[in-house]
Amino acid sequence: MTFRDRFEAFASGYDPDLPAELEDLYRDIKKSGLPVIRRALFPLMRFIVNTSKPKKILEVGTGYGFSSLFIWHCLYENGVTIDTIEARKENALEATRHFRVFGADKDINLIEGDAGEIIGKLTPGYDLVFLDGPKAQYSVYFPAIADLISENGLLIADNILTDGDILKSRYALERRQRTIHARMHEFLDACFNDKRFETVILPVADGVSISFKTTSKTEKEESDETT
């Protein structure tokens, strides 16, 4: 057992239990082998949404809907709207069913289709964006997502470490892995170099980046104001 494994097991002892229905959904998704956020991410996600209390959220990568339901469960008493994008029809159908079963379908709006096409058509004003779609597309999505986030809003990106591959030399990876390795570096470079954001990387679960939008103005807009 690694230090991280021991730490996560220790920390999980302090994490509140999920409602039984949500726990059952999580276990079913895990058993099916479909992608879902790692349990070690629960405390961080709960902490972020409970302290920042976002009202309007965008998720990229719905899967079977667990992440949206997890966030919704934290916030529904305070009022929240979640737009979530899913490209695969079968996933979208299952997620829609789960939202309905949990009574969350009035607050969670599932948009079926390619995120790269959809993001650019959305209206800015999101307090939180949770990026958990295809990892090789993070850098492609970033420019449009950055514009959608409100000032003082957050961008959370999951699986930044790509199972540890991001820490390796690209020459130690297979060709397919090299593409994701390069794209993830491009995404992180974009986050850290965009002056509108303050970004940090945390070694939680499979790695998470959190970007806080300090201003909605681009460098060009700020430069134009001073000239």
Protein backbone atom coordinates (compact mmCIF):
# COMPACT_ATOMS: atom_id res chain seq x y z
CA MET A 1 0.00 0.00 0.00
CA THR A 2 1.42 3.37 -1.03
CA PHE A 3 1.41 6.45 1.19
CA ARG A 4 -1.38 7.92 -0.95
CA ASP A 5 -3.48 4.77 -0.54
CA ARG A 6 -3.00 4.86 3.24
CA PHE A 7 -3.78 8.57 3.39
CA GLU A 8 -6.95 8.24 1.30
CA ALA A 9 -8.13 5.31 3.43
CA PHE A 10 -7.45 7.37 6.57
CA ALA A 11 -9.16 10.51 5.26
CA SER A 12 -12.19 8.58 4.04
CA GLY A 13 -12.97 7.69 7.63
CA TYR A 14 -13.93 11.33 8.20
CA ASP A 15 -16.00 11.68 5.03
CA PRO A 16 -19.79 11.68 5.55
CA ASP A 17 -21.64 8.69 4.13
CA LEU A 18 -23.51 9.11 0.89
CA PRO A 19 -27.29 8.71 0.92
CA ALA A 20 -28.06 5.02 0.39
CA GLU A 21 -29.55 5.54 -3.08
CA LEU A 22 -26.52 7.52 -4.27
CA GLU A 23 -24.15 4.95 -2.77
CA ASP A 24 -26.00 2.17 -4.59
CA LEU A 25 -25.73 4.08 -7.88
CA TYR A 26 -22.00 4.59 -7.38
CA ARG A 27 -21.42 0.90 -6.68
CA ASP A 28 -23.48 -0.13 -9.71
CA ILE A 29 -21.49 2.17 -12.00
CA LYS A 30 -18.19 0.91 -10.57
CA LYS A 31 -19.26 -2.70 -11.08
CA SER A 32 -20.21 -1.98 -14.68
CA GLY A 33 -16.68 -0.74 -15.40
CA LEU A 34 -17.90 2.60 -16.70
CA PRO A 35 -15.90 5.73 -15.84
CA VAL A 36 -16.91 7.56 -12.67
CA ILE A 37 -15.10 9.93 -10.32
CA ARG A 38 -12.93 8.26 -7.71
CA ARG A 39 -14.18 8.11 -4.15
CA ALA A 40 -11.12 10.04 -2.95
CA LEU A 41 -12.45 13.04 -4.86
CA PHE A 42 -15.73 13.17 -2.89
CA PRO A 43 -14.45 15.22 0.08
CA LEU A 44 -12.77 17.82 -2.13
CA MET A 45 -15.81 18.21 -4.38
CA ARG A 46 -18.11 18.46 -1.38
CA PHE A 47 -15.85 21.05 0.27
CA ILE A 48 -15.64 23.18 -2.87
CA VAL A 49 -19.34 23.24 -3.68
CA ASN A 50 -20.45 23.67 -0.07
CA THR A 51 -18.13 26.63 0.49
CA SER A 52 -18.47 28.37 -2.89
CA LYS A 53 -22.19 27.55 -3.30
CA PRO A 54 -22.33 27.92 -7.10
CA LYS A 55 -25.76 28.58 -8.56
CA LYS A 56 -25.03 27.70 -12.19
CA ILE A 57 -22.78 24.76 -13.05
CA LEU A 58 -21.51 23.17 -16.24
CA GLU A 59 -20.23 19.61 -16.38
CA VAL A 60 -18.43 18.19 -19.41
CA GLY A 61 -18.72 14.40 -19.39
CA THR A 62 -21.96 13.20 -17.80
CA GLY A 63 -21.37 9.46 -17.93
CA TYR A 64 -24.24 7.85 -16.04
CA GLY A 65 -24.88 11.06 -14.11
CA PHE A 66 -23.24 10.34 -10.75
CA SER A 67 -21.11 13.50 -10.56
CA SER A 68 -24.04 15.75 -11.38
CA LEU A 69 -26.19 14.00 -8.79
CA PHE A 70 -23.41 14.21 -6.19
CA ILE A 71 -23.06 17.97 -6.70
CA TRP A 72 -26.83 18.44 -6.88
CA HIS A 73 -27.30 16.59 -3.59
CA CYS A 74 -24.86 19.01 -1.91
CA LEU A 75 -26.62 22.10 -3.26
CA TYR A 76 -30.25 21.44 -4.12
CA GLU A 77 -31.59 22.99 -0.91
CA ASN A 78 -29.92 26.29 -1.85
CA GLY A 79 -31.05 26.13 -5.47
CA VAL A 80 -28.75 25.10 -8.31
CA THR A 81 -28.91 24.61 -12.08
CA ILE A 82 -26.58 22.11 -13.72
CA ASP A 83 -25.98 21.79 -17.46
CA THR A 84 -24.17 18.56 -18.27
CA ILE A 85 -22.88 17.44 -21.68
CA GLU A 86 -22.67 13.83 -22.82
CA ALA A 87 -21.68 12.59 -26.27
CA ARG A 88 -22.75 8.94 -26.00
CA LYS A 89 -26.46 8.33 -26.47
CA GLU A 90 -26.61 5.25 -24.24
CA ASN A 91 -24.94 7.16 -21.40
CA ALA A 92 -27.29 10.10 -21.88
CA LEU A 93 -30.34 7.83 -21.67
CA GLU A 94 -29.13 6.21 -18.44
CA ALA A 95 -28.17 9.54 -16.90
CA THR A 96 -31.56 11.02 -17.76
CA ARG A 97 -33.26 8.07 -16.09
CA HIS A 98 -31.15 8.49 -12.96
CA PHE A 99 -31.89 12.22 -12.77
CA ARG A 100 -35.60 11.45 -12.96
CA VAL A 101 -35.42 8.72 -10.29
CA PHE A 102 -33.63 11.08 -7.88
CA GLY A 103 -36.07 13.92 -8.61
CA ALA A 104 -33.24 16.05 -9.95
CA ASP A 105 -34.42 16.35 -13.54
CA LYS A 106 -35.92 19.78 -12.89
CA ASP A 107 -32.48 21.14 -11.91
CA ILE A 108 -30.17 19.12 -14.16
CA ASN A 109 -30.29 19.76 -17.89
CA LEU A 110 -28.58 17.08 -20.00
CA ILE A 111 -27.29 18.23 -23.38
CA GLU A 112 -26.53 15.33 -25.70
CA GLY A 113 -23.83 15.86 -28.31
CA ASP A 114 -20.21 16.74 -28.93
CA ALA A 115 -18.87 19.05 -26.21
CA GLY A 116 -16.53 20.77 -28.65
CA GLU A 117 -19.54 21.95 -30.67
CA ILE A 118 -21.84 22.66 -27.72
CA ILE A 119 -19.54 24.66 -25.44
CA GLY A 120 -19.12 27.49 -27.92
CA LYS A 121 -22.91 27.94 -28.13
CA LEU A 122 -23.53 28.25 -24.38
CA THR A 123 -24.18 31.54 -22.63
CA PRO A 124 -21.48 32.74 -20.19
CA GLY A 125 -22.27 32.96 -16.49
CA TYR A 126 -21.23 29.64 -14.97
CA ASP A 127 -20.01 29.75 -11.38
CA LEU A 128 -18.39 26.32 -11.64
CA VAL A 129 -17.28 24.12 -14.52
CA PHE A 130 -16.39 20.48 -13.86
CA LEU A 131 -14.29 19.11 -16.72
CA ASP A 132 -14.35 15.30 -16.85
CA GLY A 133 -14.68 14.48 -20.53
CA PRO A 134 -12.11 13.09 -23.00
CA LYS A 135 -8.69 13.98 -21.56
CA ALA A 136 -7.10 14.67 -24.94
CA GLN A 137 -9.74 17.37 -25.54
CA TYR A 138 -9.18 19.44 -22.38
CA SER A 139 -6.82 21.83 -24.14
CA VAL A 140 -9.24 22.13 -27.06
CA TYR A 141 -12.16 22.98 -24.76
CA PHE A 142 -10.26 25.42 -22.53
CA PRO A 143 -10.53 28.70 -24.52
CA ALA A 144 -14.31 28.49 -24.79
CA ILE A 145 -14.75 27.21 -21.23
CA ALA A 146 -12.59 30.02 -19.85
CA ASP A 147 -14.95 32.57 -21.41
CA LEU A 148 -18.03 30.84 -19.96
CA ILE A 149 -16.86 31.12 -16.34
CA SER A 150 -18.01 34.10 -14.30
CA GLU A 151 -15.58 36.28 -12.39
CA ASN A 152 -14.80 34.51 -9.08
CA GLY A 153 -15.89 31.25 -10.72
CA LEU A 154 -14.05 27.93 -10.67
CA LEU A 155 -12.82 25.39 -13.20
CA ILE A 156 -12.18 21.91 -11.79
CA ALA A 157 -10.51 19.40 -14.13
CA ASP A 158 -10.31 15.72 -13.15
CA ASN A 159 -7.75 13.03 -14.08
CA ILE A 160 -4.93 15.50 -14.58
CA LEU A 161 -2.30 12.88 -13.70
CA THR A 162 -3.74 10.41 -16.25
CA ASP A 163 -2.89 7.44 -14.00
CA GLY A 164 0.59 8.85 -13.44
CA ASP A 165 1.52 9.09 -17.13
CA ILE A 166 1.76 12.89 -16.96
CA LEU A 167 4.73 12.50 -14.60
CA LYS A 168 6.69 10.35 -17.04
CA SER A 169 8.86 11.29 -19.97
CA ARG A 170 6.83 11.14 -23.19
CA TYR A 171 9.47 8.82 -24.61
CA ALA A 172 8.58 6.21 -21.98
CA LEU A 173 4.99 6.08 -23.22
CA GLU A 174 3.26 4.32 -26.08
CA ARG A 175 2.28 6.45 -29.07
CA ARG A 176 -1.41 6.78 -28.07
CA GLN A 177 -0.42 7.77 -24.54
CA ARG A 178 1.98 10.40 -25.90
CA THR A 179 -0.92 12.27 -27.49
CA ILE A 180 -2.84 12.52 -24.22
CA HIS A 181 0.41 13.37 -22.39
CA ALA A 182 1.08 16.29 -24.77
CA ARG A 183 -2.53 17.51 -24.74
CA MET A 184 -2.71 17.47 -20.94
CA HIS A 185 0.49 19.50 -20.73
CA GLU A 186 -1.05 21.94 -23.22
CA PHE A 187 -4.16 22.24 -21.05
CA LEU A 188 -2.19 22.87 -17.86
CA ASP A 189 0.02 25.40 -19.64
CA ALA A 190 -3.12 27.19 -20.82
CA CYS A 191 -4.57 27.30 -17.29
CA PHE A 192 -1.38 28.61 -15.72
CA ASN A 193 -0.63 31.11 -18.49
CA ASP A 194 -4.12 32.62 -18.67
CA LYS A 195 -3.80 35.74 -16.51
CA ARG A 196 -7.50 35.65 -15.67
CA PHE A 197 -6.96 32.53 -13.55
CA GLU A 198 -5.07 31.36 -10.49
CA THR A 199 -4.45 27.63 -10.82
CA VAL A 200 -3.28 24.87 -8.51
CA ILE A 201 -2.76 21.13 -9.05
CA LEU A 202 -3.67 18.74 -6.24
CA PRO A 203 -2.62 15.05 -6.04
CA VAL A 204 -6.13 13.93 -5.10
CA ALA A 205 -7.52 10.76 -6.69
CA ASP A 206 -6.07 10.84 -10.25
CA GLY A 207 -5.03 14.47 -9.91
CA VAL A 208 -7.19 17.59 -10.00
CA SER A 209 -6.50 21.10 -11.23
CA ILE A 210 -8.51 23.95 -9.75
CA SER A 211 -8.54 27.32 -11.52
CA PHE A 212 -10.08 30.39 -9.86
CA LYS A 213 -11.12 33.16 -12.23
CA THR A 214 -9.94 36.41 -10.68
CA THR A 215 -11.15 38.64 -13.51
CA SER A 216 -13.29 38.32 -16.60
CA LYS A 217 -11.06 40.65 -18.62
CA THR A 218 -8.52 39.30 -21.08
CA GLU A 219 -5.01 40.76 -21.23
CA LYS A 220 -5.97 42.59 -24.44
CA GLU A 221 -9.01 44.18 -22.81
CA GLU A 222 -6.95 45.31 -19.83
CA SER A 223 -4.27 46.70 -22.17
CA ASP A 224 -6.90 48.60 -24.19
CA GLU A 225 -8.21 50.22 -20.99
CA THR A 226 -4.80 51.55 -20.06
CA THR A 227 -4.03 53.05 -23.49
